[in-house]
Amino acid sequence: MGKWSNNEIEELKRLYQEKNVPSDQLVKNKDILDSFTDSFNSRIGAEVGFNSEEIADRLFKLRKSGKLPRIRR
């Protein structure tokens, strides 16, 4: 899809907290990642949307930069 807007990044972080699945588990399980991606695309209302690889990449970058919120398990 391309460049991420600030609103899309914030929505990704909100959904990540709501789903309460650690990022390493999320990106390693295709079914969970695909479901997460579908939920995210529905929330942002994108016609084309992001694919699972783009979502996984953004989650990884957010985690490495310390911007991905911690989840409570």
C-alpha atoms as a PDB file:
ATOM      1  CA  MET A   1       0.000   0.000   0.000  1.00  0.00           C
ATOM      2  CA  GLY A   2       2.868   2.372   0.659  1.00  0.00           C
ATOM      3  CA  LYS A   3       3.471   5.087   3.218  1.00  0.00           C
ATOM      4  CA  TRP A   4       1.854   4.846   6.638  1.00  0.00           C
ATOM      5  CA  SER A   5      -0.037   7.836   8.026  1.00  0.00           C
ATOM      6  CA  ASN A   6       0.167   8.733  11.711  1.00  0.00           C
ATOM      7  CA  ASN A   7      -3.499   7.750  12.101  1.00  0.00           C
ATOM      8  CA  GLU A   8      -2.827   4.317  10.612  1.00  0.00           C
ATOM      9  CA  ILE A   9       0.133   3.755  12.921  1.00  0.00           C
ATOM     10  CA  GLU A  10      -1.903   4.790  15.971  1.00  0.00           C
ATOM     11  CA  GLU A  11      -4.746   2.489  14.915  1.00  0.00           C
ATOM     12  CA  LEU A  12      -2.275  -0.367  14.444  1.00  0.00           C
ATOM     13  CA  LYS A  13      -0.972   0.160  17.981  1.00  0.00           C
ATOM     14  CA  ARG A  14      -4.536   0.284  19.402  1.00  0.00           C
ATOM     15  CA  LEU A  15      -5.516  -2.940  17.648  1.00  0.00           C
ATOM     16  CA  TYR A  16      -2.293  -4.598  18.790  1.00  0.00           C
ATOM     17  CA  GLN A  17      -3.123  -3.783  22.419  1.00  0.00           C
ATOM     18  CA  GLU A  18      -6.712  -4.984  22.023  1.00  0.00           C
ATOM     19  CA  LYS A  19      -5.723  -8.314  20.455  1.00  0.00           C
ATOM     20  CA  ASN A  20      -3.249  -8.918  23.289  1.00  0.00           C
ATOM     21  CA  VAL A  21      -1.010 -11.244  21.266  1.00  0.00           C
ATOM     22  CA  PRO A  22       2.767 -10.693  21.499  1.00  0.00           C
ATOM     23  CA  SER A  23       4.227  -9.401  18.230  1.00  0.00           C
ATOM     24  CA  ASP A  24       6.609 -12.338  17.830  1.00  0.00           C
ATOM     25  CA  GLN A  25       3.703 -14.809  18.047  1.00  0.00           C
ATOM     26  CA  LEU A  26       1.516 -12.675  15.826  1.00  0.00           C
ATOM     27  CA  VAL A  27       3.991 -12.517  12.942  1.00  0.00           C
ATOM     28  CA  LYS A  28       4.949 -16.210  13.199  1.00  0.00           C
ATOM     29  CA  ASN A  29       1.381 -17.493  12.923  1.00  0.00           C
ATOM     30  CA  LYS A  30      -0.064 -16.858   9.444  1.00  0.00           C
ATOM     31  CA  ASP A  31      -3.683 -17.386  10.513  1.00  0.00           C
ATOM     32  CA  ILE A  32      -3.428 -14.946  13.414  1.00  0.00           C
ATOM     33  CA  LEU A  33      -1.550 -12.396  11.295  1.00  0.00           C
ATOM     34  CA  ASP A  34      -4.083 -12.662   8.461  1.00  0.00           C
ATOM     35  CA  SER A  35      -6.950 -12.150  10.910  1.00  0.00           C
ATOM     36  CA  PHE A  36      -5.155  -9.182  12.482  1.00  0.00           C
ATOM     37  CA  THR A  37      -4.538  -7.707   9.018  1.00  0.00           C
ATOM     38  CA  ASP A  38      -8.204  -8.091   8.047  1.00  0.00           C
ATOM     39  CA  SER A  39      -9.287  -6.392  11.274  1.00  0.00           C
ATOM     40  CA  PHE A  40      -6.845  -3.557  10.740  1.00  0.00           C
ATOM     41  CA  ASN A  41      -7.917  -2.956   7.146  1.00  0.00           C
ATOM     42  CA  SER A  42     -11.578  -2.945   8.201  1.00  0.00           C
ATOM     43  CA  ARG A  43     -10.855  -0.362  10.871  1.00  0.00           C
ATOM     44  CA  ILE A  44      -9.032   2.020   8.602  1.00  0.00           C
ATOM     45  CA  GLY A  45     -11.594   1.565   5.842  1.00  0.00           C
ATOM     46  CA  ALA A  46      -8.972   1.199   3.134  1.00  0.00           C
ATOM     47  CA  GLU A  47     -10.152   0.064  -0.269  1.00  0.00           C
ATOM     48  CA  VAL A  48      -6.888  -1.704  -1.027  1.00  0.00           C
ATOM     49  CA  GLY A  49      -5.448  -1.939   2.490  1.00  0.00           C
ATOM     50  CA  PHE A  50      -2.186  -3.309   3.770  1.00  0.00           C
ATOM     51  CA  ASN A  51      -1.063  -6.892   3.302  1.00  0.00           C
ATOM     52  CA  SER A  52       0.141  -9.175   6.100  1.00  0.00           C
ATOM     53  CA  GLU A  53       3.793  -8.640   5.207  1.00  0.00           C
ATOM     54  CA  GLU A  54       3.408  -4.853   5.514  1.00  0.00           C
ATOM     55  CA  ILE A  55       1.670  -5.225   8.874  1.00  0.00           C
ATOM     56  CA  ALA A  56       4.381  -7.559  10.194  1.00  0.00           C
ATOM     57  CA  ASP A  57       7.108  -5.208   8.986  1.00  0.00           C
ATOM     58  CA  ARG A  58       5.507  -2.182  10.655  1.00  0.00           C
ATOM     59  CA  LEU A  59       4.997  -4.064  13.933  1.00  0.00           C
ATOM     60  CA  PHE A  60       8.657  -5.114  13.863  1.00  0.00           C
ATOM     61  CA  LYS A  61       9.824  -1.538  13.237  1.00  0.00           C
ATOM     62  CA  LEU A  62       7.602  -0.187  16.012  1.00  0.00           C
ATOM     63  CA  ARG A  63       8.873  -2.817  18.428  1.00  0.00           C
ATOM     64  CA  LYS A  64      12.538  -2.183  17.582  1.00  0.00           C
ATOM     65  CA  SER A  65      12.073   1.579  18.009  1.00  0.00           C
ATOM     66  CA  GLY A  66      10.362   1.099  21.384  1.00  0.00           C
ATOM     67  CA  LYS A  67       7.063   2.548  20.100  1.00  0.00           C
ATOM     68  CA  LEU A  68       4.992  -0.621  20.210  1.00  0.00           C
ATOM     69  CA  PRO A  69       2.992  -0.647  23.450  1.00  0.00           C
ATOM     70  CA  ARG A  70       3.472  -3.454  25.926  1.00  0.00           C
ATOM     71  CA  ILE A  71       0.618  -5.866  26.245  1.00  0.00           C
ATOM     72  CA  ARG A  72      -0.634  -7.439  29.439  1.00  0.00           C
ATOM     73  CA  ARG A  73      -0.835 -11.219  29.473  1.00  0.00           C
END
